[in-house]
Amino acid sequence: MSTASIALNRFGLGARPDEPLPANPRKWLHAQLDRFEPRPPAIAALPSRAVIAGQLADYLAGPRPMGPPSGVRAPAAAMTQTPQAMAEGAMSDAATKPAGDGNEPEAIQRTRQFLRRQGRDNYVGAVGARVDAALGTSSPFVERMVHFWANHFAVSADKLTVIGLSGLLEFEAIRPHVLGSFSQMLNAVERHPAMLLYLDQAQSVGPNSVVGSRVAARGKRKVGINENLAREILELHTLGVRTGYDQADVTEFARAMTGWTVVGITRGPLARFAGIEGAPGDFGFAEPLHEPGARTIMGKRYDKPGERQAQAVLDDLAAHPATAEHLATKLCRHFAGDTPPPAMVARVKAAFVASRGDLPTVYRALIDSPELWVDTPTKFKSPWEWTISSLRATGARDVPAPQATGLLNQLGQAVWRPGSPAGWDDLTATWAGPDAVVRRVEVAERLAQRAGGGLDARALAPKLFPDAVSAPTAQALTNAESPGQALALLLVAPESMRR
């Protein structure tokens, strides 16, 4: 592979036929750190957080059905009086099905309307904006880093309260900080309503807090600490698994985080006693929910009061050596292969530590890593990566949002809908199965048809992969029976499937 092909495909999102090849590939990558657009037009045009969270608040404030509306895939626990427990896939069918026959109960009709707005209008629109930004960006390396961090800090639109907010986590907490510090990004993510609702932090109440004591005195319901967010911050977002903390540290961190909540979403006694003000969807600290007292986490005492207690823990986690090791390993795995070279990991970690988590410094260490400028492809593309690079290869722009959403669902990597807080796997074995490859062949044929036979794959190939088209691929393109078949073959050639 030439250095131009490596820059375009391994670091970037794939070449576009209407853009010139970079004359100096490494300089081209470094320059992108100065021209990234955090809020491109397609994203700026989306409904605001206040609108989306307002729809959610209105829905939660009204009657809800005891069972799913017709056509919604959800187990018995879903769509009950605790909508935060809405099951996986609840929005997938109801958001696009027509309304009922008018005889449905009001609660079911309201649920259909809510899912239609949050699913079809907000979620699908956000997916379309993400695709639009990836297709038109002049900073594809930085855009790739946005996608990396959004997967690192994963939430899932399969949860009812997160459907419309899932894209906003990326747009509001990742994109503005992708060229800042890791600490800034971490703080923005953990305060975002999508994360707080996804991991049930908004439901967490200190047993000895003002609200906890009052609710316990009434004896009608139980409230308590929810450890989900604290655990995932330690295990996934910062230190990594088995890095010096134990269950007691998780519990103490969860106690420190009590009071971190979302304005306008929490219901019942939590809302009545918390007393926080603001627009729906804003971060709020509710002192009456906070567990009083000092905390000891990983051997360090935290005695700051209120919101500052968990903040102090986050600040320490962002700068911890284990966090640097965890993030460096994930970044190197993303670029250098499933088993990244230890020397590369060590250099990227050192850049993180020396710069105190300055992300552009870390990115420069990646760009300057000799291990990434080798001829052999290092990674098998995920469905998202392959879809974006294929669309860019055909010169596509303005792909309809429903079409983009359906395409990625078909390929098995629905946007902002991973199966767990760990996000989508970044391993070849996850994406290189025979069935997955067959689906890509089918999609490649459709994309070739969409291009209308106007692209000459033989002329296109060296633009997409300069000095890197193999002899077997060139021969296959020459022997193709039609321009459309040649283009489809190019999109599923080894050069297009790996980076």
Protein backbone atom coordinates (compact mmCIF):
# COMPACT_ATOMS: atom_id res chain seq x y z
CA MET A 1 0.00 0.00 0.00
CA SER A 2 1.23 3.50 -0.77
CA THR A 3 1.33 6.10 1.97
CA ALA A 4 -1.53 7.93 0.23
CA SER A 5 -3.70 4.82 0.29
CA ILE A 6 -2.86 4.22 3.96
CA ALA A 7 -3.76 7.79 4.88
CA LEU A 8 -7.05 7.66 2.96
CA ASN A 9 -8.20 4.25 4.10
CA ARG A 10 -6.49 3.25 7.36
CA PHE A 11 -6.65 6.69 8.95
CA GLY A 12 -9.50 8.19 6.97
CA LEU A 13 -12.92 7.01 5.82
CA GLY A 14 -12.01 6.10 2.25
CA ALA A 15 -11.28 8.23 -0.79
CA ARG A 16 -13.80 10.16 -2.86
CA PRO A 17 -13.36 10.23 -6.66
CA ASP A 18 -14.06 13.98 -6.75
CA GLU A 19 -11.25 14.90 -4.35
CA PRO A 20 -7.50 15.07 -5.10
CA LEU A 21 -5.10 12.61 -3.56
CA PRO A 22 -3.02 14.01 -0.69
CA ALA A 23 0.40 15.05 -1.94
CA ASN A 24 1.92 14.66 1.51
CA PRO A 25 -0.21 12.05 3.34
CA ARG A 26 1.17 12.59 6.85
CA LYS A 27 0.96 16.35 6.58
CA TRP A 28 -2.59 15.95 5.25
CA LEU A 29 -3.55 14.00 8.38
CA HIS A 30 -1.91 16.46 10.77
CA ALA A 31 -3.62 19.40 9.04
CA GLN A 32 -7.03 17.92 9.71
CA LEU A 33 -6.56 18.64 13.41
CA ASP A 34 -6.92 22.35 12.56
CA ARG A 35 -9.93 22.25 10.23
CA PHE A 36 -12.44 19.84 11.78
CA GLU A 37 -16.02 21.12 11.85
CA PRO A 38 -17.69 20.07 15.13
CA ARG A 39 -21.16 21.15 14.03
CA PRO A 40 -21.65 20.65 10.28
CA PRO A 41 -24.91 21.87 8.69
CA ALA A 42 -26.69 18.51 8.72
CA ILE A 43 -26.16 18.18 12.47
CA ALA A 44 -26.91 21.84 13.20
CA ALA A 45 -30.28 21.44 11.44
CA LEU A 46 -31.50 18.68 13.79
CA PRO A 47 -34.06 19.30 16.55
CA SER A 48 -32.52 20.64 19.72
CA ARG A 49 -32.06 18.70 22.92
CA ALA A 50 -34.79 20.83 24.53
CA VAL A 51 -37.28 19.70 21.88
CA ILE A 52 -36.37 16.02 22.07
CA ALA A 53 -36.17 15.90 25.86
CA GLY A 54 -39.39 17.89 26.03
CA GLN A 55 -41.16 15.20 24.02
CA LEU A 56 -39.79 12.59 26.42
CA ALA A 57 -40.83 14.58 29.48
CA ASP A 58 -44.35 15.05 28.10
CA TYR A 59 -44.64 11.33 27.42
CA LEU A 60 -43.46 10.33 30.87
CA ALA A 61 -45.88 12.78 32.47
CA GLY A 62 -48.93 11.15 30.87
CA PRO A 63 -50.65 7.75 30.94
CA ARG A 64 -48.78 4.78 29.54
CA PRO A 65 -50.03 1.33 28.57
CA MET A 66 -49.37 -1.79 30.59
CA GLY A 67 -48.34 -3.66 27.46
CA PRO A 68 -46.66 -2.81 24.14
CA PRO A 69 -48.74 -1.30 21.33
CA SER A 70 -49.51 -3.54 18.40
CA GLY A 71 -46.39 -4.31 16.41
CA VAL A 72 -43.84 -3.38 19.08
CA ARG A 73 -41.28 -6.04 19.89
CA ALA A 74 -40.98 -6.04 23.67
CA PRO A 75 -41.08 -8.60 26.46
CA ALA A 76 -43.68 -8.43 29.19
CA ALA A 77 -41.59 -6.10 31.32
CA ALA A 78 -41.61 -3.39 28.69
CA MET A 79 -44.01 -0.48 28.36
CA THR A 80 -45.07 -0.73 32.00
CA GLN A 81 -45.37 2.05 34.54
CA THR A 82 -41.57 2.24 34.58
CA PRO A 83 -40.80 3.26 31.00
CA GLN A 84 -37.08 3.46 31.72
CA ALA A 85 -37.15 -0.34 31.54
CA MET A 86 -38.43 -0.29 27.96
CA ALA A 87 -37.10 -3.37 26.23
CA GLU A 88 -34.67 -3.73 23.38
CA GLY A 89 -36.11 -2.90 19.98
CA ALA A 90 -39.20 -1.10 21.23
CA MET A 91 -38.90 1.66 18.67
CA SER A 92 -38.04 -0.49 15.67
CA ASP A 93 -41.54 -1.29 14.47
CA ALA A 94 -43.83 1.16 16.22
CA ALA A 95 -41.93 4.17 14.92
CA THR A 96 -42.83 3.32 11.34
CA LYS A 97 -46.19 1.51 11.62
CA PRO A 98 -49.38 3.52 10.93
CA ALA A 99 -51.56 4.62 13.81
CA GLY A 100 -54.25 2.31 15.13
CA ASP A 101 -57.87 2.22 14.04
CA GLY A 102 -58.92 4.87 16.54
CA ASN A 103 -60.28 2.38 19.05
CA GLU A 104 -57.00 1.91 20.89
CA PRO A 105 -56.72 3.25 24.44
CA GLU A 106 -55.35 6.77 24.73
CA ALA A 107 -52.15 5.51 26.37
CA ILE A 108 -51.32 3.26 23.42
CA GLN A 109 -52.04 6.02 20.91
CA ARG A 110 -49.75 8.35 22.87
CA THR A 111 -47.02 5.71 22.87
CA ARG A 112 -47.29 5.29 19.11
CA GLN A 113 -47.03 9.02 18.62
CA PHE A 114 -44.07 9.30 20.97
CA LEU A 115 -42.17 6.43 19.33
CA ARG A 116 -42.89 7.86 15.90
CA ARG A 117 -41.43 11.23 16.83
CA GLN A 118 -38.46 9.87 18.78
CA GLY A 119 -37.74 6.95 16.47
CA ARG A 120 -38.60 8.00 12.96
CA ASP A 121 -38.06 11.71 13.20
CA ASN A 122 -35.29 12.15 15.77
CA TYR A 123 -33.29 8.91 15.73
CA VAL A 124 -33.45 8.31 11.98
CA GLY A 125 -32.79 11.98 11.29
CA ALA A 126 -29.71 11.89 13.52
CA VAL A 127 -28.37 8.78 11.74
CA GLY A 128 -28.81 10.58 8.44
CA ALA A 129 -26.92 13.61 9.74
CA ARG A 130 -24.08 11.39 10.96
CA VAL A 131 -23.81 9.76 7.53
CA ASP A 132 -23.97 13.15 5.82
CA ALA A 133 -21.13 14.45 7.98
CA ALA A 134 -19.00 11.38 7.22
CA LEU A 135 -19.59 11.62 3.47
CA GLY A 136 -18.80 15.31 3.14
CA THR A 137 -16.11 15.91 5.76
CA SER A 138 -12.79 17.46 4.85
CA SER A 139 -11.35 15.91 8.04
CA PRO A 140 -12.03 12.17 7.68
CA PHE A 141 -9.35 11.19 10.22
CA VAL A 142 -10.92 13.35 12.93
CA GLU A 143 -14.35 12.12 11.91
CA ARG A 144 -13.09 8.57 12.43
CA MET A 145 -12.00 9.58 15.91
CA VAL A 146 -15.52 10.88 16.61
CA HIS A 147 -16.88 7.45 15.70
CA PHE A 148 -14.26 5.75 17.85
CA TRP A 149 -15.12 7.77 20.95
CA ALA A 150 -18.86 7.47 20.39
CA ASN A 151 -18.42 3.70 20.46
CA HIS A 152 -16.13 3.90 23.50
CA PHE A 153 -18.83 5.85 25.37
CA ALA A 154 -21.65 3.73 24.00
CA VAL A 155 -25.35 4.21 24.70
CA SER A 156 -28.22 2.39 23.01
CA ALA A 157 -31.30 3.77 21.27
CA ASP A 158 -32.97 0.45 22.05
CA LYS A 159 -33.93 1.97 25.40
CA LEU A 160 -37.10 4.05 25.23
CA THR A 161 -35.75 7.06 27.10
CA VAL A 162 -32.60 7.13 24.95
CA ILE A 163 -34.08 6.77 21.44
CA GLY A 164 -34.04 10.43 20.52
CA LEU A 165 -31.09 11.39 22.72
CA SER A 166 -28.59 8.76 21.53
CA GLY A 167 -27.27 10.79 18.63
CA LEU A 168 -27.05 13.91 20.77
CA LEU A 169 -24.46 12.25 23.00
CA GLU A 170 -22.14 12.07 19.99
CA PHE A 171 -23.08 15.51 18.68
CA GLU A 172 -22.95 17.36 22.01
CA ALA A 173 -20.41 15.49 24.15
CA ILE A 174 -18.02 13.87 21.63
CA ARG A 175 -17.74 16.18 18.63
CA PRO A 176 -17.06 19.41 20.59
CA HIS A 177 -14.32 17.70 22.63
CA VAL A 178 -12.73 15.34 20.10
CA LEU A 179 -9.85 17.81 19.78
CA GLY A 180 -9.82 18.77 23.45
CA SER A 181 -8.73 16.79 26.47
CA PHE A 182 -9.96 13.37 27.50
CA SER A 183 -11.01 14.85 30.83
CA GLN A 184 -13.26 17.38 29.10
CA MET A 185 -14.86 14.68 26.98
CA LEU A 186 -15.30 12.35 29.95
CA ASN A 187 -17.07 15.04 31.97
CA ALA A 188 -19.33 16.01 29.07
CA VAL A 189 -20.29 12.38 28.46
CA GLU A 190 -21.04 11.47 32.07
CA ARG A 191 -23.26 14.54 32.46
CA HIS A 192 -25.18 13.97 29.23
CA PRO A 193 -28.83 12.92 29.58
CA ALA A 194 -28.37 10.01 27.18
CA MET A 195 -25.72 8.44 29.42
CA LEU A 196 -27.48 9.28 32.68
CA LEU A 197 -30.73 7.73 31.42
CA TYR A 198 -29.16 4.77 29.62
CA LEU A 199 -27.33 3.60 32.73
CA ASP A 200 -30.14 4.55 35.14
CA GLN A 201 -28.15 7.16 37.03
CA ALA A 202 -31.22 9.40 37.13
CA GLN A 203 -32.88 6.75 39.33
CA SER A 204 -30.06 6.55 41.86
CA VAL A 205 -30.90 7.78 45.37
CA GLY A 206 -28.74 7.73 48.46
CA PRO A 207 -30.52 5.70 51.16
CA ASN A 208 -29.54 8.26 53.78
CA SER A 209 -30.22 11.28 51.61
CA VAL A 210 -33.13 13.62 52.27
CA VAL A 211 -35.26 11.93 49.62
CA GLY A 212 -34.14 8.42 50.58
CA SER A 213 -35.03 9.01 54.22
CA ARG A 214 -38.43 10.50 53.42
CA VAL A 215 -39.38 7.74 51.01
CA ALA A 216 -38.27 5.07 53.50
CA ALA A 217 -40.32 6.72 56.24
CA ARG A 218 -43.43 6.47 54.12
CA GLY A 219 -42.76 2.78 53.61
CA LYS A 220 -44.55 2.63 50.27
CA ARG A 221 -41.62 2.04 47.91
CA LYS A 222 -37.90 1.46 47.96
CA VAL A 223 -35.30 3.70 46.46
CA GLY A 224 -31.60 3.12 46.49
CA ILE A 225 -28.28 3.41 44.78
CA ASN A 226 -27.89 2.32 41.17
CA GLU A 227 -24.32 1.26 40.40
CA ASN A 228 -24.56 0.97 36.61
CA LEU A 229 -22.91 4.24 35.63
CA ALA A 230 -20.21 4.08 38.30
CA ARG A 231 -19.29 0.55 37.24
CA GLU A 232 -19.12 1.35 33.53
CA ILE A 233 -17.07 4.49 34.12
CA LEU A 234 -14.47 2.40 35.92
CA GLU A 235 -14.63 -0.70 33.76
CA LEU A 236 -15.22 0.72 30.28
CA HIS A 237 -14.74 4.48 30.15
CA THR A 238 -11.53 4.91 32.15
CA LEU A 239 -9.44 2.29 34.00
CA GLY A 240 -10.51 -0.89 32.21
CA VAL A 241 -11.35 -4.31 33.60
CA ARG A 242 -9.33 -5.68 36.54
CA THR A 243 -7.18 -2.60 37.10
CA GLY A 244 -6.99 -2.18 40.84
CA TYR A 245 -10.55 -1.44 41.88
CA ASP A 246 -13.05 -3.77 43.51
CA GLN A 247 -16.77 -3.95 44.20
CA ALA A 248 -16.44 -1.74 47.26
CA ASP A 249 -14.92 0.98 45.06
CA VAL A 250 -17.83 0.67 42.60
CA THR A 251 -20.34 1.05 45.41
CA GLU A 252 -18.56 4.02 46.94
CA PHE A 253 -18.27 5.74 43.56
CA ALA A 254 -22.00 5.13 42.99
CA ARG A 255 -22.70 6.78 46.35
CA ALA A 256 -20.57 9.75 45.32
CA MET A 257 -22.57 10.07 42.09
CA THR A 258 -25.99 10.14 43.72
CA GLY A 259 -27.67 13.42 42.86
CA TRP A 260 -26.38 13.46 39.27
CA THR A 261 -29.62 13.45 37.34
CA VAL A 262 -31.57 14.84 34.37
CA VAL A 263 -33.88 17.81 34.69
CA GLY A 264 -37.50 17.24 33.74
CA ILE A 265 -37.30 13.47 33.29
CA THR A 266 -37.33 11.99 36.80
CA ARG A 267 -40.85 11.29 38.09
CA GLY A 268 -42.62 10.58 41.36
CA PRO A 269 -41.05 11.40 44.72
CA LEU A 270 -37.67 11.96 43.12
CA ALA A 271 -39.06 14.90 41.16
CA ARG A 272 -41.13 16.25 44.06
CA PHE A 273 -38.30 16.27 46.58
CA ALA A 274 -35.26 16.87 44.37
CA GLY A 275 -36.14 20.50 43.68
CA ILE A 276 -33.88 21.03 40.64
CA GLU A 277 -34.76 23.53 37.94
CA GLY A 278 -33.91 23.87 34.28
CA ALA A 279 -35.01 22.81 30.83
CA PRO A 280 -35.91 19.15 30.24
CA GLY A 281 -32.77 17.25 29.35
CA ASP A 282 -30.33 19.49 31.19
CA PHE A 283 -27.87 18.01 33.63
CA GLY A 284 -28.82 18.74 37.21
CA PHE A 285 -27.39 18.00 40.59
CA ALA A 286 -30.09 17.22 43.14
CA GLU A 287 -28.62 17.65 46.60
CA PRO A 288 -31.61 15.95 48.28
CA LEU A 289 -30.73 12.72 46.41
CA HIS A 290 -27.04 12.75 47.35
CA GLU A 291 -25.72 10.25 49.89
CA PRO A 292 -23.98 12.31 52.59
CA GLY A 293 -20.51 11.57 53.91
CA ALA A 294 -16.96 11.11 52.71
CA ARG A 295 -15.99 8.31 50.33
CA THR A 296 -12.84 6.21 50.03
CA ILE A 297 -12.23 4.95 46.49
CA MET A 298 -9.13 3.02 45.46
CA GLY A 299 -7.44 4.03 48.69
CA LYS A 300 -8.07 7.77 48.35
CA ARG A 301 -10.46 9.73 50.54
CA TYR A 302 -12.94 12.09 48.90
CA ASP A 303 -14.61 14.40 51.38
CA LYS A 304 -15.78 17.20 49.10
CA PRO A 305 -19.52 17.79 49.40
CA GLY A 306 -22.27 17.43 46.81
CA GLU A 307 -21.55 17.38 43.11
CA ARG A 308 -17.85 18.08 43.64
CA GLN A 309 -17.33 14.68 45.27
CA ALA A 310 -17.97 12.63 42.12
CA GLN A 311 -16.27 15.34 40.07
CA ALA A 312 -13.06 14.86 42.03
CA VAL A 313 -13.22 11.11 41.38
CA LEU A 314 -13.71 11.69 37.65
CA ASP A 315 -10.74 14.06 37.53
CA ASP A 316 -8.51 11.43 39.13
CA LEU A 317 -9.78 8.66 36.85
CA ALA A 318 -9.12 10.76 33.73
CA ALA A 319 -5.47 11.15 34.73
CA HIS A 320 -4.88 7.63 36.07
CA PRO A 321 -2.08 5.58 34.44
CA ALA A 322 -4.47 2.65 34.01
CA THR A 323 -6.78 4.90 31.99
CA ALA A 324 -3.88 5.88 29.75
CA GLU A 325 -3.03 2.19 29.24
CA HIS A 326 -6.64 1.23 28.55
CA LEU A 327 -7.24 4.00 26.02
CA ALA A 328 -3.87 3.57 24.29
CA THR A 329 -4.56 -0.14 23.84
CA LYS A 330 -8.00 0.48 22.35
CA LEU A 331 -6.72 3.17 20.00
CA CYS A 332 -3.83 1.02 18.80
CA ARG A 333 -6.15 -1.95 18.35
CA HIS A 334 -8.41 0.21 16.21
CA PHE A 335 -5.59 1.18 13.87
CA ALA A 336 -2.91 -1.51 14.12
CA GLY A 337 -4.88 -4.74 14.41
CA ASP A 338 -6.54 -6.98 16.96
CA THR A 339 -3.21 -7.53 18.76
CA PRO A 340 -1.50 -4.13 18.68
CA PRO A 341 2.30 -3.93 18.96
CA PRO A 342 3.33 -3.35 22.61
CA ALA A 343 5.89 -0.73 21.63
CA MET A 344 3.23 1.30 19.84
CA VAL A 345 0.86 1.05 22.80
CA ALA A 346 3.65 2.23 25.10
CA ARG A 347 4.37 5.29 22.92
CA VAL A 348 0.71 6.29 22.66
CA LYS A 349 0.29 5.82 26.40
CA ALA A 350 3.35 7.99 27.03
CA ALA A 351 1.89 10.72 24.81
CA PHE A 352 -1.35 10.59 26.79
CA VAL A 353 0.42 10.81 30.14
CA ALA A 354 2.90 13.50 29.14
CA SER A 355 0.17 15.71 27.65
CA ARG A 356 -2.27 15.05 30.50
CA GLY A 357 -4.76 13.54 28.14
CA ASP A 358 -4.54 16.10 25.32
CA LEU A 359 -6.22 14.23 22.49
CA PRO A 360 -4.53 15.96 19.51
CA THR A 361 -1.19 14.98 21.04
CA VAL A 362 -2.37 11.38 21.23
CA TYR A 363 -3.60 11.50 17.62
CA ARG A 364 -0.23 12.83 16.46
CA ALA A 365 1.45 9.90 18.19
CA LEU A 366 -0.80 7.57 16.21
CA ILE A 367 -0.09 9.31 12.91
CA ASP A 368 3.65 9.15 13.57
CA SER A 369 3.63 5.45 14.52
CA PRO A 370 5.73 3.54 11.98
CA GLU A 371 3.67 0.41 12.65
CA LEU A 372 0.71 2.01 10.84
CA TRP A 373 2.57 2.77 7.63
CA VAL A 374 3.19 -0.84 6.62
CA ASP A 375 1.90 -2.31 3.37
CA THR A 376 -0.21 -5.05 4.93
CA PRO A 377 -3.83 -4.11 5.81
CA THR A 378 -4.30 -4.16 9.56
CA LYS A 379 -8.08 -4.18 10.14
CA PHE A 380 -11.21 -5.73 8.64
CA LYS A 381 -13.75 -2.95 8.25
CA SER A 382 -16.84 -2.88 10.42
CA PRO A 383 -20.19 -2.50 8.62
CA TRP A 384 -20.22 1.22 9.42
CA GLU A 385 -16.71 1.73 8.04
CA TRP A 386 -17.42 -0.31 4.93
CA THR A 387 -20.71 1.46 4.24
CA ILE A 388 -19.22 4.93 4.55
CA SER A 389 -16.16 4.10 2.47
CA SER A 390 -18.35 2.48 -0.21
CA LEU A 391 -20.66 5.48 -0.37
CA ARG A 392 -17.69 7.82 -0.54
CA ALA A 393 -16.17 5.64 -3.28
CA THR A 394 -19.26 6.10 -5.46
CA GLY A 395 -19.32 9.85 -4.84
CA ALA A 396 -22.59 9.65 -2.91
CA ARG A 397 -23.96 12.62 -1.02
CA ASP A 398 -27.35 13.36 0.53
CA VAL A 399 -28.25 9.73 1.18
CA PRO A 400 -31.85 9.65 2.53
CA ALA A 401 -31.81 9.08 6.28
CA PRO A 402 -34.27 6.13 6.27
CA GLN A 403 -32.22 4.44 3.55
CA ALA A 404 -28.96 4.89 5.47
CA THR A 405 -30.56 3.62 8.67
CA GLY A 406 -32.01 0.55 7.00
CA LEU A 407 -28.75 -0.22 5.23
CA LEU A 408 -26.75 -0.26 8.46
CA ASN A 409 -29.44 -2.32 10.19
CA GLN A 410 -29.21 -4.86 7.39
CA LEU A 411 -25.43 -5.06 7.69
CA GLY A 412 -25.65 -5.76 11.41
CA GLN A 413 -24.30 -2.56 12.97
CA ALA A 414 -27.26 -0.33 13.69
CA VAL A 415 -26.05 3.14 14.65
CA TRP A 416 -26.07 3.84 18.41
CA ARG A 417 -27.64 0.45 19.09
CA PRO A 418 -24.88 -1.89 20.35
CA GLY A 419 -25.81 -4.85 22.48
CA SER A 420 -24.15 -3.55 25.63
CA PRO A 421 -22.46 -0.50 27.18
CA ALA A 422 -19.18 -1.92 25.87
CA GLY A 423 -20.16 -0.81 22.38
CA TRP A 424 -19.53 -2.67 19.15
CA ASP A 425 -16.55 -5.03 18.98
CA ASP A 426 -13.47 -3.76 17.17
CA LEU A 427 -12.26 -7.24 16.21
CA THR A 428 -12.02 -8.92 12.82
CA ALA A 429 -13.79 -12.10 13.93
CA THR A 430 -16.90 -10.11 14.79
CA TRP A 431 -17.40 -8.77 11.27
CA ALA A 432 -15.71 -11.21 8.87
CA GLY A 433 -18.20 -14.08 9.02
CA PRO A 434 -19.52 -15.62 5.76
CA ASP A 435 -23.07 -14.35 6.25
CA ALA A 436 -21.85 -10.83 6.91
CA VAL A 437 -19.74 -10.86 3.76
CA VAL A 438 -22.69 -12.11 1.70
CA ARG A 439 -24.77 -9.17 2.94
CA ARG A 440 -22.04 -6.79 1.84
CA VAL A 441 -22.04 -8.35 -1.64
CA GLU A 442 -25.80 -7.76 -1.86
CA VAL A 443 -25.43 -4.16 -0.75
CA ALA A 444 -22.52 -3.60 -3.17
CA GLU A 445 -24.74 -4.69 -6.04
CA ARG A 446 -27.42 -2.21 -4.97
CA LEU A 447 -24.91 0.60 -4.64
CA ALA A 448 -23.58 -0.19 -8.11
CA GLN A 449 -27.12 -0.04 -9.48
CA ARG A 450 -27.66 3.26 -7.69
CA ALA A 451 -24.54 4.65 -9.36
CA GLY A 452 -26.25 3.98 -12.69
CA GLY A 453 -23.29 2.60 -14.61
CA GLY A 454 -21.63 5.99 -14.78
CA LEU A 455 -18.51 4.95 -12.92
CA ASP A 456 -15.64 3.10 -14.57
CA ALA A 457 -14.34 0.81 -11.83
CA ARG A 458 -11.05 0.29 -13.61
CA ALA A 459 -10.37 4.05 -13.58
CA LEU A 460 -11.84 4.45 -10.11
CA ALA A 461 -9.74 1.79 -8.38
CA PRO A 462 -6.39 3.64 -8.49
CA LYS A 463 -8.10 6.80 -7.18
CA LEU A 464 -9.47 4.91 -4.19
CA PHE A 465 -6.34 2.83 -3.58
CA PRO A 466 -3.38 4.64 -5.18
CA ASP A 467 -0.54 2.25 -5.97
CA ALA A 468 -2.32 -0.42 -3.96
CA VAL A 469 -4.65 -2.26 -6.36
CA SER A 470 -3.64 -5.92 -6.50
CA ALA A 471 -3.23 -7.82 -9.74
CA PRO A 472 -6.18 -10.19 -8.97
CA THR A 473 -8.47 -7.22 -8.31
CA ALA A 474 -7.38 -5.47 -11.50
CA GLN A 475 -7.97 -8.67 -13.48
CA ALA A 476 -11.43 -9.15 -11.96
CA LEU A 477 -12.42 -5.62 -12.94
CA THR A 478 -11.17 -6.17 -16.47
CA ASN A 479 -13.14 -9.40 -16.83
CA ALA A 480 -16.40 -7.98 -15.44
CA GLU A 481 -19.40 -8.33 -17.75
CA SER A 482 -20.68 -4.80 -17.18
CA PRO A 483 -19.68 -1.51 -15.54
CA GLY A 484 -22.15 -2.20 -12.75
CA GLN A 485 -20.70 -5.62 -12.05
CA ALA A 486 -17.18 -4.18 -12.07
CA LEU A 487 -18.14 -1.53 -9.53
CA ALA A 488 -19.80 -4.09 -7.27
CA LEU A 489 -16.69 -6.26 -7.48
CA LEU A 490 -14.50 -3.32 -6.55
CA LEU A 491 -16.61 -2.55 -3.47
CA VAL A 492 -16.14 -6.07 -2.11
CA ALA A 493 -12.54 -6.52 -3.22
CA PRO A 494 -9.97 -7.12 -0.44
CA GLU A 495 -8.78 -3.54 -0.82
CA SER A 496 -12.28 -2.29 0.03
CA MET A 497 -12.97 -4.73 2.87
CA ARG A 498 -9.77 -4.08 4.82
CA ARG A 499 -7.83 -1.02 5.80
